[in-house]
Amino acid sequence: MLIGLLTAIAASICYGTGSVLQAVGSRKSARREAAAAGRLTERGGPSLSSTAKAATTWEFVVGTILDFIGFGLGALAARLLPLFLSQTVISANLVVTAVLSVRMLGIRLTRAEWTSIGVVCSALVLLASAAGPEGSGHTPIATHWWLLAISLLLMVGGTVLVRLLGARAAILAGLLSGLGFGALGVGVRILNGIDSFDLGALLTDPALYAILVAGVGGMYLHTVALQIGSVNGATAALVVGETVLPGMIGVWWLGDASRPGFAWLAVLGFVLAVVGAVAVAWFGAPEGHGAQDTEVPDEHGAVPEARPDPVRVP
C-alpha cells in the first residue's frame, strides 16, 4: 500500500507540473498564431495545425515528457491500489497545477479556490485512511472489447463534438480527456499478460489498444482544453472524468474495497474529492480570473497587455 501511494503521489506531481508547462507552451503558440489572418475555425476553436504547433514549444515538450513519466507511475499505481484511491491521488495534480500556475501563468487564486483545493487535499487523506486491498482485475475478454469500443466512441466522437462547439468546449474537452485517462486506468488494471509476462496475451488483448486510444485521445483533448480555457478549470474537469467512473468501476466490477467498517469514510472522501474538483472548475473559469489566465511571458520575458476576453486559438 505504501509503495503504491508513493507511486501515485509521484505521478500526481509529474502530471501537475506537466499540465502547467503544456499550458504555457499552448498559450505562447496561441499568441503567435492569433496574428495570422483567416486561421480561426468557424466557431473560434483551435485547428489541428495550431494544436500541432503548440506541441513544438520546449515547454510543451518537457510537459509531455513529464506526462509520460506520470503515465508509467500511474499505471504502476493502478496495479497496486484500488482504482478509487489511485485515480483520486493522481488527480490531486490539480493542487500542483493550481500552485504552479500562480507563478508560471500569473494567475491569482481566490479564497474560494484555495478552500476548494483544501477540500480536495482533505478528501485524499480520508480516502487513503479508508482504502482496503485492490481487486484482482480479472474480467471476461468481452469486457476488454467493450472498453475498446467505449474508448473509441469517447475519443473520436468527443473530438468531433469539441470541434463543433469551438471556443465554448473547454470544460467539455477537459472532461472528455479525463474520461479517456480514466479508461486508460481501467485498461491498465485489467490488461492481460502482465503479472506472468506473456507477450502474446498482451498483444492480443483489446485492453492494450483501448489504453493507446484513450491515452492519445485524452492527451489531444487535454491540449485543446488548455488552449481555449482556464488551466485550473480544464484540469478540474479532467479530474472529475478520470476519478468518478474508474472508481465506481473498480468497486462494482473489479473487487476494490475499503477497510472493514470504513466504507462510509471512503464514500465521504470520494464525494468531497469530486465536489472540491468541481468547485475549482467553477471558480477557475476564465471569467473568474479575467485576463490573468492569458498573461504568459513571451520568449523575451515580456508579459502582454491584459485582455478582457479568454484566449481564442486559431
Foldseek 3Di string as FASTA:
>chain_A
DVLLLVLLLLLLLLQLQLLQLLLLLLLLLQVVQVPDPPQAAPQLFADPVSLVNSCPDPSNVSSVVSNVSSLVSLLVSLQWFQQLLSLLSSLLSLVSNVVVCVPFLVFDDDPLLVVLNVLSVVLNVLQVQWWDGFFQLADDLVVLVVLQVVLCCLLVVLVVVCSVNGLVCLLVLLLSLLLLLLSLSSLSSNAPCDPVHDVVSRVPRSSNVSNVSSNVSSVSSSSSSSNRWFSSLSSLSSSLNNNDVSNVCRVPPRPTDTPVPSRVSNVVSSVSNNVSSNSSNVCRTCQNRFQSNSQGQHPVRDTDDGDRDTRRGD
